[in-house]
Amino acid sequence: MYLRRLHLWAYIYGSKAKPEKNDPKTHTWQDKDFEAQSEIQFHVADSLMYLISNQEMAKEMWECLSEQYEKTDIIHAIALLSTHNLPHARR
């Protein structure tokens, strides 16, 4: 939500693709992408910076963090439900 409010989510999600080098929108895109990178770096713990330090775009940073921390398989979903004591986890 925070990144959407700052109008940066499109750069992180990748729906605002990097324009070609000669495109007049390139400078604006680079500024916004840099702003998105800065927000990500600001909110990531120093101990995790190694995961994103070699990435050149905000989208790449986000993907690295997602690959490391986003778990979508059924085992992780059950563990998450159990951890938070949600009602549908008690079946």
PDB file of N, CA and C in Angstrom:
ATOM      1  N   MET A   1       0.821  -1.197   0.000  1.00  0.00           N
ATOM      2  CA  MET A   1       0.000   0.000   0.000  1.00  0.00           C
ATOM      3  C   MET A   1       0.864   1.259   0.000  1.00  0.00           C
ATOM      4  N   TYR A   2       1.919   1.232   0.793  1.00  0.00           N
ATOM      5  CA  TYR A   2       2.806   2.392   0.902  1.00  0.00           C
ATOM      6  C   TYR A   2       3.409   2.757  -0.453  1.00  0.00           C
ATOM      7  N   LEU A   3       3.898   1.764  -1.162  1.00  0.00           N
ATOM      8  CA  LEU A   3       4.518   2.019  -2.463  1.00  0.00           C
ATOM      9  C   LEU A   3       3.477   2.428  -3.503  1.00  0.00           C
ATOM     10  N   ARG A   4       2.273   1.947  -3.372  1.00  0.00           N
ATOM     11  CA  ARG A   4       1.204   2.396  -4.276  1.00  0.00           C
ATOM     12  C   ARG A   4       0.860   3.854  -4.017  1.00  0.00           C
ATOM     13  N   ARG A   5       0.823   4.209  -2.753  1.00  0.00           N
ATOM     14  CA  ARG A   5       0.507   5.599  -2.404  1.00  0.00           C
ATOM     15  C   ARG A   5       1.560   6.558  -2.975  1.00  0.00           C
ATOM     16  N   LEU A   6       2.795   6.104  -3.029  1.00  0.00           N
ATOM     17  CA  LEU A   6       3.879   6.922  -3.583  1.00  0.00           C
ATOM     18  C   LEU A   6       3.952   6.833  -5.110  1.00  0.00           C
ATOM     19  N   HIS A   7       3.029   6.082  -5.704  1.00  0.00           N
ATOM     20  CA  HIS A   7       2.988   5.876  -7.163  1.00  0.00           C
ATOM     21  C   HIS A   7       4.269   5.218  -7.672  1.00  0.00           C
ATOM     22  N   LEU A   8       4.786   4.261  -6.900  1.00  0.00           N
ATOM     23  CA  LEU A   8       6.014   3.554  -7.262  1.00  0.00           C
ATOM     24  C   LEU A   8       5.782   2.076  -7.558  1.00  0.00           C
ATOM     25  N   TRP A   9       4.602   1.573  -7.239  1.00  0.00           N
ATOM     26  CA  TRP A   9       4.354   0.147  -7.385  1.00  0.00           C
ATOM     27  C   TRP A   9       4.532  -0.323  -8.827  1.00  0.00           C
ATOM     28  N   ALA A  10       4.174   0.486  -9.787  1.00  0.00           N
ATOM     29  CA  ALA A  10       4.301   0.091 -11.200  1.00  0.00           C
ATOM     30  C   ALA A  10       5.749  -0.171 -11.579  1.00  0.00           C
ATOM     31  N   TYR A  11       6.668   0.513 -10.929  1.00  0.00           N
ATOM     32  CA  TYR A  11       8.092   0.312 -11.213  1.00  0.00           C
ATOM     33  C   TYR A  11       8.599  -0.949 -10.530  1.00  0.00           C
ATOM     34  N   ILE A  12       8.040  -1.276  -9.402  1.00  0.00           N
ATOM     35  CA  ILE A  12       8.437  -2.464  -8.661  1.00  0.00           C
ATOM     36  C   ILE A  12       7.791  -3.708  -9.258  1.00  0.00           C
ATOM     37  N   TYR A  13       6.537  -3.606  -9.597  1.00  0.00           N
ATOM     38  CA  TYR A  13       5.805  -4.737 -10.158  1.00  0.00           C
ATOM     39  C   TYR A  13       6.225  -4.999 -11.599  1.00  0.00           C
ATOM     40  N   GLY A  14       6.684  -3.962 -12.267  1.00  0.00           N
ATOM     41  CA  GLY A  14       7.151  -4.119 -13.644  1.00  0.00           C
ATOM     42  C   GLY A  14       6.159  -3.705 -14.704  1.00  0.00           C
ATOM     43  N   SER A  15       5.019  -3.151 -14.299  1.00  0.00           N
ATOM     44  CA  SER A  15       4.050  -2.724 -15.306  1.00  0.00           C
ATOM     45  C   SER A  15       4.494  -1.435 -16.005  1.00  0.00           C
ATOM     46  N   LYS A  16       5.461  -0.731 -15.429  1.00  0.00           N
ATOM     47  CA  LYS A  16       6.103   0.415 -16.083  1.00  0.00           C
ATOM     48  C   LYS A  16       7.472  -0.071 -16.547  1.00  0.00           C
ATOM     49  N   ALA A  17       7.503  -0.641 -17.718  1.00  0.00           N
ATOM     50  CA  ALA A  17       8.749  -1.202 -18.234  1.00  0.00           C
ATOM     51  C   ALA A  17       9.739  -0.087 -18.578  1.00  0.00           C
ATOM     52  N   LYS A  18      11.009  -0.430 -18.491  1.00  0.00           N
ATOM     53  CA  LYS A  18      12.062   0.529 -18.800  1.00  0.00           C
ATOM     54  C   LYS A  18      11.993   0.879 -20.286  1.00  0.00           C
ATOM     55  N   PRO A  19      11.901   2.172 -20.600  1.00  0.00           N
ATOM     56  CA  PRO A  19      11.837   2.579 -22.003  1.00  0.00           C
ATOM     57  C   PRO A  19      13.186   2.375 -22.702  1.00  0.00           C
ATOM     58  N   GLU A  20      13.152   2.408 -24.016  1.00  0.00           N
ATOM     59  CA  GLU A  20      14.384   2.316 -24.804  1.00  0.00           C
ATOM     60  C   GLU A  20      15.269   3.514 -24.506  1.00  0.00           C
ATOM     61  N   LYS A  21      16.556   3.368 -24.739  1.00  0.00           N
ATOM     62  CA  LYS A  21      17.536   4.398 -24.403  1.00  0.00           C
ATOM     63  C   LYS A  21      17.209   5.771 -25.001  1.00  0.00           C
ATOM     64  N   ASN A  22      16.755   5.820 -26.229  1.00  0.00           N
ATOM     65  CA  ASN A  22      16.503   7.091 -26.909  1.00  0.00           C
ATOM     66  C   ASN A  22      15.111   7.662 -26.648  1.00  0.00           C
ATOM     67  N   ASP A  23      14.315   6.963 -25.874  1.00  0.00           N
ATOM     68  CA  ASP A  23      12.960   7.414 -25.552  1.00  0.00           C
ATOM     69  C   ASP A  23      13.042   8.602 -24.600  1.00  0.00           C
ATOM     70  N   PRO A  24      12.300   9.676 -24.875  1.00  0.00           N
ATOM     71  CA  PRO A  24      12.332  10.853 -23.996  1.00  0.00           C
ATOM     72  C   PRO A  24      11.826  10.569 -22.575  1.00  0.00           C
ATOM     73  N   LYS A  25      11.111   9.478 -22.387  1.00  0.00           N
ATOM     74  CA  LYS A  25      10.594   9.134 -21.059  1.00  0.00           C
ATOM     75  C   LYS A  25      11.629   8.410 -20.192  1.00  0.00           C
ATOM     76  N   THR A  26      12.779   8.099 -20.763  1.00  0.00           N
ATOM     77  CA  THR A  26      13.798   7.331 -20.049  1.00  0.00           C
ATOM     78  C   THR A  26      14.250   8.022 -18.773  1.00  0.00           C
ATOM     79  N   HIS A  27      14.500   9.315 -18.844  1.00  0.00           N
ATOM     80  CA  HIS A  27      14.988  10.049 -17.662  1.00  0.00           C
ATOM     81  C   HIS A  27      13.958  10.009 -16.528  1.00  0.00           C
ATOM     82  N   THR A  28      12.702  10.231 -16.856  1.00  0.00           N
ATOM     83  CA  THR A  28      11.636  10.192 -15.846  1.00  0.00           C
ATOM     84  C   THR A  28      11.526   8.801 -15.250  1.00  0.00           C
ATOM     85  N   TRP A  29      11.591   7.775 -16.097  1.00  0.00           N
ATOM     86  CA  TRP A  29      11.511   6.403 -15.622  1.00  0.00           C
ATOM     87  C   TRP A  29      12.670   6.105 -14.673  1.00  0.00           C
ATOM     88  N   GLN A  30      13.863   6.519 -15.036  1.00  0.00           N
ATOM     89  CA  GLN A  30      15.033   6.270 -14.190  1.00  0.00           C
ATOM     90  C   GLN A  30      14.900   6.950 -12.834  1.00  0.00           C
ATOM     91  N   ASP A  31      14.391   8.177 -12.838  1.00  0.00           N
ATOM     92  CA  ASP A  31      14.185   8.891 -11.571  1.00  0.00           C
ATOM     93  C   ASP A  31      13.206   8.150 -10.667  1.00  0.00           C
ATOM     94  N   LYS A  32      12.084   7.697 -11.236  1.00  0.00           N
ATOM     95  CA  LYS A  32      11.070   6.997 -10.444  1.00  0.00           C
ATOM     96  C   LYS A  32      11.577   5.627  -9.984  1.00  0.00           C
ATOM     97  N   ASP A  33      12.301   4.936 -10.855  1.00  0.00           N
ATOM     98  CA  ASP A  33      12.847   3.645 -10.478  1.00  0.00           C
ATOM     99  C   ASP A  33      13.867   3.811  -9.357  1.00  0.00           C
ATOM    100  N   PHE A  34      14.684   4.844  -9.444  1.00  0.00           N
ATOM    101  CA  PHE A  34      15.660   5.118  -8.389  1.00  0.00           C
ATOM    102  C   PHE A  34      14.952   5.423  -7.071  1.00  0.00           C
ATOM    103  N   GLU A  35      13.856   6.161  -7.154  1.00  0.00           N
ATOM    104  CA  GLU A  35      13.070   6.465  -5.955  1.00  0.00           C
ATOM    105  C   GLU A  35      12.508   5.164  -5.350  1.00  0.00           C
ATOM    106  N   ALA A  36      12.022   4.280  -6.203  1.00  0.00           N
ATOM    107  CA  ALA A  36      11.509   2.989  -5.728  1.00  0.00           C
ATOM    108  C   ALA A  36      12.627   2.159  -5.098  1.00  0.00           C
ATOM    109  N   GLN A  37      13.791   2.136  -5.719  1.00  0.00           N
ATOM    110  CA  GLN A  37      14.936   1.421  -5.151  1.00  0.00           C
ATOM    111  C   GLN A  37      15.294   1.978  -3.772  1.00  0.00           C
ATOM    112  N   SER A  38      15.282   3.286  -3.670  1.00  0.00           N
ATOM    113  CA  SER A  38      15.622   3.930  -2.396  1.00  0.00           C
ATOM    114  C   SER A  38      14.639   3.541  -1.300  1.00  0.00           C
ATOM    115  N   GLU A  39      13.355   3.502  -1.630  1.00  0.00           N
ATOM    116  CA  GLU A  39      12.338   3.104  -0.646  1.00  0.00           C
ATOM    117  C   GLU A  39      12.552   1.664  -0.192  1.00  0.00           C
ATOM    118  N   ILE A  40      12.860   0.789  -1.139  1.00  0.00           N
ATOM    119  CA  ILE A  40      13.103  -0.606  -0.781  1.00  0.00           C
ATOM    120  C   ILE A  40      14.315  -0.693   0.134  1.00  0.00           C
ATOM    121  N   GLN A  41      15.404  -0.048  -0.253  1.00  0.00           N
ATOM    122  CA  GLN A  41      16.631  -0.090   0.547  1.00  0.00           C
ATOM    123  C   GLN A  41      16.419   0.494   1.939  1.00  0.00           C
ATOM    124  N   PHE A  42      15.632   1.543   2.036  1.00  0.00           N
ATOM    125  CA  PHE A  42      15.369   2.184   3.315  1.00  0.00           C
ATOM    126  C   PHE A  42      14.630   1.252   4.277  1.00  0.00           C
ATOM    127  N   HIS A  43      13.768   0.395   3.722  1.00  0.00           N
ATOM    128  CA  HIS A  43      12.930  -0.461   4.552  1.00  0.00           C
ATOM    129  C   HIS A  43      13.464  -1.882   4.725  1.00  0.00           C
ATOM    130  N   VAL A  44      14.596  -2.175   4.131  1.00  0.00           N
ATOM    131  CA  VAL A  44      15.198  -3.502   4.275  1.00  0.00           C
ATOM    132  C   VAL A  44      16.300  -3.423   5.324  1.00  0.00           C
ATOM    133  N   ALA A  45      16.335  -4.395   6.192  1.00  0.00           N
ATOM    134  CA  ALA A  45      17.354  -4.430   7.244  1.00  0.00           C
ATOM    135  C   ALA A  45      18.751  -4.498   6.620  1.00  0.00           C
ATOM    136  N   ASP A  46      19.700  -3.878   7.287  1.00  0.00           N
ATOM    137  CA  ASP A  46      21.082  -3.876   6.808  1.00  0.00           C
ATOM    138  C   ASP A  46      21.598  -5.296   6.582  1.00  0.00           C
ATOM    139  N   SER A  47      21.193  -6.206   7.429  1.00  0.00           N
ATOM    140  CA  SER A  47      21.659  -7.588   7.318  1.00  0.00           C
ATOM    141  C   SER A  47      21.148  -8.301   6.065  1.00  0.00           C
ATOM    142  N   LEU A  48      20.158  -7.715   5.385  1.00  0.00           N
ATOM    143  CA  LEU A  48      19.598  -8.323   4.173  1.00  0.00           C
ATOM    144  C   LEU A  48      19.982  -7.583   2.896  1.00  0.00           C
ATOM    145  N   MET A  49      20.760  -6.534   3.027  1.00  0.00           N
ATOM    146  CA  MET A  49      21.133  -5.730   1.856  1.00  0.00           C
ATOM    147  C   MET A  49      21.888  -6.537   0.809  1.00  0.00           C
ATOM    148  N   TYR A  50      22.596  -7.572   1.246  1.00  0.00           N
ATOM    149  CA  TYR A  50      23.349  -8.393   0.306  1.00  0.00           C
ATOM    150  C   TYR A  50      22.429  -9.014  -0.752  1.00  0.00           C
ATOM    151  N   LEU A  51      21.154  -9.209  -0.418  1.00  0.00           N
ATOM    152  CA  LEU A  51      20.206  -9.805  -1.360  1.00  0.00           C
ATOM    153  C   LEU A  51      19.900  -8.894  -2.540  1.00  0.00           C
ATOM    154  N   ILE A  52      19.958  -7.588  -2.305  1.00  0.00           N
ATOM    155  CA  ILE A  52      19.523  -6.647  -3.344  1.00  0.00           C
ATOM    156  C   ILE A  52      20.618  -5.718  -3.844  1.00  0.00           C
ATOM    157  N   SER A  53      21.782  -5.772  -3.251  1.00  0.00           N
ATOM    158  CA  SER A  53      22.821  -4.777  -3.568  1.00  0.00           C
ATOM    159  C   SER A  53      23.320  -4.830  -5.003  1.00  0.00           C
ATOM    160  N   ASN A  54      23.213  -5.951  -5.669  1.00  0.00           N
ATOM    161  CA  ASN A  54      23.710  -6.056  -7.047  1.00  0.00           C
ATOM    162  C   ASN A  54      22.623  -5.842  -8.099  1.00  0.00           C
ATOM    163  N   GLN A  55      21.428  -5.540  -7.659  1.00  0.00           N
ATOM    164  CA  GLN A  55      20.320  -5.357  -8.603  1.00  0.00           C
ATOM    165  C   GLN A  55      20.314  -3.932  -9.149  1.00  0.00           C
ATOM    166  N   GLU A  56      19.947  -3.794 -10.410  1.00  0.00           N
ATOM    167  CA  GLU A  56      19.985  -2.485 -11.063  1.00  0.00           C
ATOM    168  C   GLU A  56      18.631  -1.795 -11.148  1.00  0.00           C
ATOM    169  N   MET A  57      17.555  -2.541 -10.926  1.00  0.00           N
ATOM    170  CA  MET A  57      16.219  -1.954 -11.006  1.00  0.00           C
ATOM    171  C   MET A  57      15.399  -2.357  -9.784  1.00  0.00           C
ATOM    172  N   ALA A  58      14.426  -1.535  -9.453  1.00  0.00           N
ATOM    173  CA  ALA A  58      13.552  -1.810  -8.309  1.00  0.00           C
ATOM    174  C   ALA A  58      12.840  -3.146  -8.478  1.00  0.00           C
ATOM    175  N   LYS A  59      12.399  -3.443  -9.684  1.00  0.00           N
ATOM    176  CA  LYS A  59      11.708  -4.710  -9.951  1.00  0.00           C
ATOM    177  C   LYS A  59      12.615  -5.890  -9.607  1.00  0.00           C
ATOM    178  N   GLU A  60      13.888  -5.807  -9.959  1.00  0.00           N
ATOM    179  CA  GLU A  60      14.833  -6.880  -9.663  1.00  0.00           C
ATOM    180  C   GLU A  60      15.035  -7.033  -8.160  1.00  0.00           C
ATOM    181  N   MET A  61      15.097  -5.904  -7.448  1.00  0.00           N
ATOM    182  CA  MET A  61      15.222  -5.953  -5.988  1.00  0.00           C
ATOM    183  C   MET A  61      14.032  -6.668  -5.381  1.00  0.00           C
ATOM    184  N   TRP A  62      12.846  -6.282  -5.821  1.00  0.00           N
ATOM    185  CA  TRP A  62      11.616  -6.862  -5.296  1.00  0.00           C
ATOM    186  C   TRP A  62      11.566  -8.358  -5.574  1.00  0.00           C
ATOM    187  N   GLU A  63      11.959  -8.752  -6.778  1.00  0.00           N
ATOM    188  CA  GLU A  63      11.931 -10.167  -7.140  1.00  0.00           C
ATOM    189  C   GLU A  63      12.896 -10.979  -6.261  1.00  0.00           C
ATOM    190  N   CYS A  64      14.073 -10.422  -5.980  1.00  0.00           N
ATOM    191  CA  CYS A  64      15.026 -11.116  -5.101  1.00  0.00           C
ATOM    192  C   CYS A  64      14.440 -11.315  -3.712  1.00  0.00           C
ATOM    193  N   LEU A  65      13.835 -10.276  -3.182  1.00  0.00           N
ATOM    194  CA  LEU A  65      13.229 -10.374  -1.855  1.00  0.00           C
ATOM    195  C   LEU A  65      12.052 -11.350  -1.865  1.00  0.00           C
ATOM    196  N   SER A  66      11.259 -11.302  -2.918  1.00  0.00           N
ATOM    197  CA  SER A  66      10.111 -12.209  -3.028  1.00  0.00           C
ATOM    198  C   SER A  66      10.554 -13.656  -3.104  1.00  0.00           C
ATOM    199  N   GLU A  67      11.573 -13.926  -3.909  1.00  0.00           N
ATOM    200  CA  GLU A  67      12.067 -15.298  -4.033  1.00  0.00           C
ATOM    201  C   GLU A  67      12.577 -15.821  -2.695  1.00  0.00           C
ATOM    202  N   GLN A  68      13.183 -14.940  -1.927  1.00  0.00           N
ATOM    203  CA  GLN A  68      13.754 -15.345  -0.650  1.00  0.00           C
ATOM    204  C   GLN A  68      12.689 -15.552   0.426  1.00  0.00           C
ATOM    205  N   TYR A  69      11.655 -14.707   0.432  1.00  0.00           N
ATOM    206  CA  TYR A  69      10.725 -14.688   1.568  1.00  0.00           C
ATOM    207  C   TYR A  69       9.280 -15.043   1.254  1.00  0.00           C
ATOM    208  N   GLU A  70       8.877 -15.012   0.024  1.00  0.00           N
ATOM    209  CA  GLU A  70       7.483 -15.304  -0.293  1.00  0.00           C
ATOM    210  C   GLU A  70       7.327 -16.799  -0.513  1.00  0.00           C
ATOM    211  N   LYS A  71       6.589 -17.418   0.345  1.00  0.00           N
ATOM    212  CA  LYS A  71       6.345 -18.854   0.253  1.00  0.00           C
ATOM    213  C   LYS A  71       4.886 -19.073  -0.112  1.00  0.00           C
ATOM    214  N   THR A  72       4.651 -19.835  -1.165  1.00  0.00           N
ATOM    215  CA  THR A  72       3.278 -20.010  -1.621  1.00  0.00           C
ATOM    216  C   THR A  72       2.817 -21.460  -1.632  1.00  0.00           C
ATOM    217  N   ASP A  73       3.667 -22.379  -1.246  1.00  0.00           N
ATOM    218  CA  ASP A  73       3.212 -23.765  -1.270  1.00  0.00           C
ATOM    219  C   ASP A  73       2.295 -24.056  -0.075  1.00  0.00           C
ATOM    220  N   ILE A  74       1.635 -25.173  -0.125  1.00  0.00           N
ATOM    221  CA  ILE A  74       0.620 -25.516   0.867  1.00  0.00           C
ATOM    222  C   ILE A  74       1.205 -25.671   2.273  1.00  0.00           C
ATOM    223  N   ILE A  75       2.406 -26.192   2.392  1.00  0.00           N
ATOM    224  CA  ILE A  75       3.028 -26.376   3.713  1.00  0.00           C
ATOM    225  C   ILE A  75       3.223 -25.023   4.399  1.00  0.00           C
ATOM    226  N   HIS A  76       3.716 -24.048   3.653  1.00  0.00           N
ATOM    227  CA  HIS A  76       3.926 -22.721   4.233  1.00  0.00           C
ATOM    228  C   HIS A  76       2.590 -22.028   4.543  1.00  0.00           C
ATOM    229  N   ALA A  77       1.595 -22.265   3.701  1.00  0.00           N
ATOM    230  CA  ALA A  77       0.285 -21.663   3.957  1.00  0.00           C
ATOM    231  C   ALA A  77      -0.307 -22.212   5.251  1.00  0.00           C
ATOM    232  N   ILE A  78      -0.205 -23.509   5.453  1.00  0.00           N
ATOM    233  CA  ILE A  78      -0.720 -24.122   6.683  1.00  0.00           C
ATOM    234  C   ILE A  78       0.046 -23.609   7.900  1.00  0.00           C
ATOM    235  N   ALA A  79       1.367 -23.519   7.768  1.00  0.00           N
ATOM    236  CA  ALA A  79       2.184 -23.016   8.875  1.00  0.00           C
ATOM    237  C   ALA A  79       1.798 -21.583   9.217  1.00  0.00           C
ATOM    238  N   LEU A  80       1.551 -20.779   8.198  1.00  0.00           N
ATOM    239  CA  LEU A  80       1.163 -19.386   8.421  1.00  0.00           C
ATOM    240  C   LEU A  80      -0.185 -19.310   9.134  1.00  0.00           C
ATOM    241  N   LEU A  81      -1.143 -20.101   8.682  1.00  0.00           N
ATOM    242  CA  LEU A  81      -2.458 -20.109   9.329  1.00  0.00           C
ATOM    243  C   LEU A  81      -2.335 -20.559  10.783  1.00  0.00           C
ATOM    244  N   SER A  82      -1.556 -21.588  11.022  1.00  0.00           N
ATOM    245  CA  SER A  82      -1.382 -22.108  12.377  1.00  0.00           C
ATOM    246  C   SER A  82      -0.706 -21.090  13.286  1.00  0.00           C
ATOM    247  N   THR A  83       0.289 -20.411  12.750  1.00  0.00           N
ATOM    248  CA  THR A  83       1.032 -19.422  13.523  1.00  0.00           C
ATOM    249  C   THR A  83       0.138 -18.291  13.992  1.00  0.00           C
ATOM    250  N   HIS A  84      -0.801 -17.907  13.140  1.00  0.00           N
ATOM    251  CA  HIS A  84      -1.663 -16.768  13.466  1.00  0.00           C
ATOM    252  C   HIS A  84      -2.980 -17.179  14.102  1.00  0.00           C
ATOM    253  N   ASN A  85      -3.147 -18.463  14.395  1.00  0.00           N
ATOM    254  CA  ASN A  85      -4.359 -18.972  15.040  1.00  0.00           C
ATOM    255  C   ASN A  85      -5.638 -18.514  14.365  1.00  0.00           C
ATOM    256  N   LEU A  86      -5.652 -18.583  13.056  1.00  0.00           N
ATOM    257  CA  LEU A  86      -6.857 -18.204  12.331  1.00  0.00           C
ATOM    258  C   LEU A  86      -7.889 -19.316  12.448  1.00  0.00           C
ATOM    259  N   PRO A  87      -9.176 -18.981  12.495  1.00  0.00           N
ATOM    260  CA  PRO A  87     -10.220 -19.971  12.725  1.00  0.00           C
ATOM    261  C   PRO A  87     -10.198 -21.115  11.724  1.00  0.00           C
ATOM    262  N   HIS A  88      -9.936 -20.856  10.422  1.00  0.00           N
ATOM    263  CA  HIS A  88      -9.990 -21.936   9.436  1.00  0.00           C
ATOM    264  C   HIS A  88      -8.748 -22.835   9.537  1.00  0.00           C
ATOM    265  N   ALA A  89      -7.813 -22.558  10.382  1.00  0.00           N
ATOM    266  CA  ALA A  89      -6.660 -23.433  10.569  1.00  0.00           C
ATOM    267  C   ALA A  89      -6.964 -24.555  11.573  1.00  0.00           C
ATOM    268  N   ARG A  90      -8.098 -24.511  12.230  1.00  0.00           N
ATOM    269  CA  ARG A  90      -8.426 -25.461  13.298  1.00  0.00           C
ATOM    270  C   ARG A  90      -9.366 -26.575  12.840  1.00  0.00           C
ATOM    271  N   ARG A  91      -9.349 -26.924  11.621  1.00  0.00           N
ATOM    272  CA  ARG A  91     -10.269 -27.953  11.127  1.00  0.00           C
ATOM    273  C   ARG A  91      -9.742 -29.312  11.360  1.00  0.00           C
TER     274      ARG A  91
END
